[in-house]
Amino acid sequence: MMQAALDFTQEYPPHQSHSDTSKASAAKTAPKFSGRLVVALKMFASLHHNGATDEEGQGLLDLSGDSYRPIRVTLTKHGLVADSGRRRPTTNGRSAVVWVITLKGADKLMEVSYGQ
């Protein structure tokens, strides 16, 4: 069974459906969210196999963790970004997952870029 294609314009930020404040926050950020998904996917594409930890991605995109993580989680959920199996230290010395774009992610980026 084929998974439905991700439509960035219809993707809603992750939120707690039982929380009215979480739903309100997601609704407020929804218009920016699809654009940020594309920007983040382009960032991962530009990094190739080097990838980025969440901390690195936040720095490269100039986003807080609260803004960046839902984007990366959504890209991961749809198989566009994946755990590379590698780890790099964060600024505080903890081990962090290095995320990389997948072949599906590269295909999706071409689709979005060329309007297919």
Protein backbone atom coordinates (compact mmCIF):
# COMPACT_ATOMS: atom_id res chain seq x y z
CA MET A 1 0.00 0.00 0.00
CA MET A 2 1.44 3.38 -0.98
CA GLN A 3 1.60 6.12 1.60
CA ALA A 4 -0.25 9.28 0.66
CA ALA A 5 2.07 11.98 -0.62
CA LEU A 6 2.85 14.75 1.82
CA ASP A 7 1.19 18.00 0.83
CA PHE A 8 3.18 20.70 2.58
CA THR A 9 0.31 23.16 2.24
CA GLN A 10 -1.97 20.85 4.24
CA GLU A 11 0.48 19.84 6.97
CA TYR A 12 -0.47 21.06 10.43
CA PRO A 13 2.14 21.54 13.16
CA PRO A 14 2.28 18.73 15.73
CA HIS A 15 0.24 19.58 18.81
CA GLN A 16 -1.56 18.03 21.76
CA SER A 17 -5.11 17.52 20.50
CA HIS A 18 -6.51 17.43 24.04
CA SER A 19 -5.08 20.87 24.87
CA ASP A 20 -6.90 24.01 23.77
CA THR A 21 -3.72 26.09 24.16
CA SER A 22 -1.68 23.63 22.10
CA LYS A 23 -4.36 23.61 19.36
CA ALA A 24 -4.48 27.42 19.36
CA SER A 25 -0.70 27.65 19.09
CA ALA A 26 -0.62 25.16 16.21
CA ALA A 27 -3.37 27.06 14.40
CA LYS A 28 -1.46 30.32 14.80
CA THR A 29 1.76 28.87 13.39
CA ALA A 30 0.17 26.76 10.63
CA PRO A 31 0.60 29.36 7.84
CA LYS A 32 4.37 29.52 8.46
CA PHE A 33 4.75 25.79 9.03
CA SER A 34 4.57 24.54 5.41
CA GLY A 35 7.15 27.08 4.29
CA ARG A 36 9.44 26.11 7.13
CA LEU A 37 9.14 22.44 6.17
CA VAL A 38 10.47 23.28 2.71
CA VAL A 39 13.25 25.50 4.09
CA ALA A 40 14.34 22.78 6.52
CA LEU A 41 14.28 20.11 3.80
CA LYS A 42 16.45 22.38 1.62
CA MET A 43 18.85 22.77 4.54
CA PHE A 44 19.16 18.99 4.92
CA ALA A 45 19.68 18.64 1.16
CA SER A 46 22.48 21.21 1.24
CA LEU A 47 24.23 19.29 4.02
CA HIS A 48 24.15 16.00 2.06
CA HIS A 49 25.43 13.06 4.11
CA ASN A 50 26.93 15.36 6.79
CA GLY A 51 23.45 16.05 8.14
CA ALA A 52 22.68 18.05 11.25
CA THR A 53 21.82 17.50 14.87
CA ASP A 54 18.73 19.29 16.13
CA GLU A 55 20.98 21.87 17.79
CA GLU A 56 22.88 22.45 14.53
CA GLY A 57 19.63 22.68 12.55
CA GLN A 58 18.26 25.23 14.99
CA GLY A 59 21.37 27.35 14.52
CA LEU A 60 21.40 27.04 10.73
CA LEU A 61 17.73 28.00 10.46
CA ASP A 62 17.83 30.52 13.32
CA LEU A 63 14.90 28.83 15.07
CA SER A 64 14.29 27.97 18.70
CA GLY A 65 13.98 24.33 19.65
CA ASP A 66 10.23 24.77 20.11
CA SER A 67 9.96 25.93 16.50
CA TYR A 68 12.55 23.61 14.95
CA ARG A 69 11.73 20.24 16.53
CA PRO A 70 8.12 20.00 15.23
CA ILE A 71 9.46 20.64 11.73
CA ARG A 72 12.14 17.95 11.98
CA VAL A 73 9.66 15.54 13.62
CA THR A 74 7.19 16.06 10.76
CA LEU A 75 9.89 15.52 8.14
CA THR A 76 10.93 12.34 9.97
CA LYS A 77 7.35 11.11 10.30
CA HIS A 78 6.96 11.30 6.53
CA GLY A 79 10.30 9.59 5.85
CA LEU A 80 11.92 12.68 4.33
CA VAL A 81 14.64 12.91 6.99
CA ALA A 82 16.11 9.99 8.94
CA ASP A 83 18.51 9.12 11.73
CA SER A 84 21.88 8.57 10.04
CA GLY A 85 23.03 6.21 12.79
CA ARG A 86 25.78 8.68 13.63
CA ARG A 87 26.03 10.89 16.72
CA ARG A 88 27.78 14.20 17.35
CA PRO A 89 28.28 16.06 20.60
CA THR A 90 26.10 19.06 21.40
CA THR A 91 27.59 22.24 22.85
CA ASN A 92 27.06 20.80 26.33
CA GLY A 93 28.81 17.55 25.39
CA ARG A 94 25.78 15.28 25.11
CA SER A 95 25.45 12.86 22.22
CA ALA A 96 22.91 13.90 19.56
CA VAL A 97 21.41 12.15 16.54
CA VAL A 98 22.68 13.34 13.17
CA TRP A 99 19.66 13.67 10.86
CA VAL A 100 20.04 13.39 7.07
CA ILE A 101 17.75 13.81 4.08
CA THR A 102 16.48 10.55 2.59
CA LEU A 103 16.05 9.67 -1.07
CA LYS A 104 12.32 10.19 -0.55
CA GLY A 105 13.12 13.63 0.91
CA ALA A 106 15.27 14.56 -2.07
CA ASP A 107 12.48 13.43 -4.40
CA LYS A 108 9.92 15.46 -2.45
CA LEU A 109 12.16 18.52 -2.58
CA MET A 110 12.43 18.21 -6.36
CA GLU A 111 8.66 17.83 -6.57
CA VAL A 112 8.10 20.95 -4.43
CA SER A 113 10.80 22.92 -6.28
CA TYR A 114 9.41 22.10 -9.72
CA GLY A 115 5.75 22.29 -8.74
CA GLN A 116 4.90 18.73 -9.72
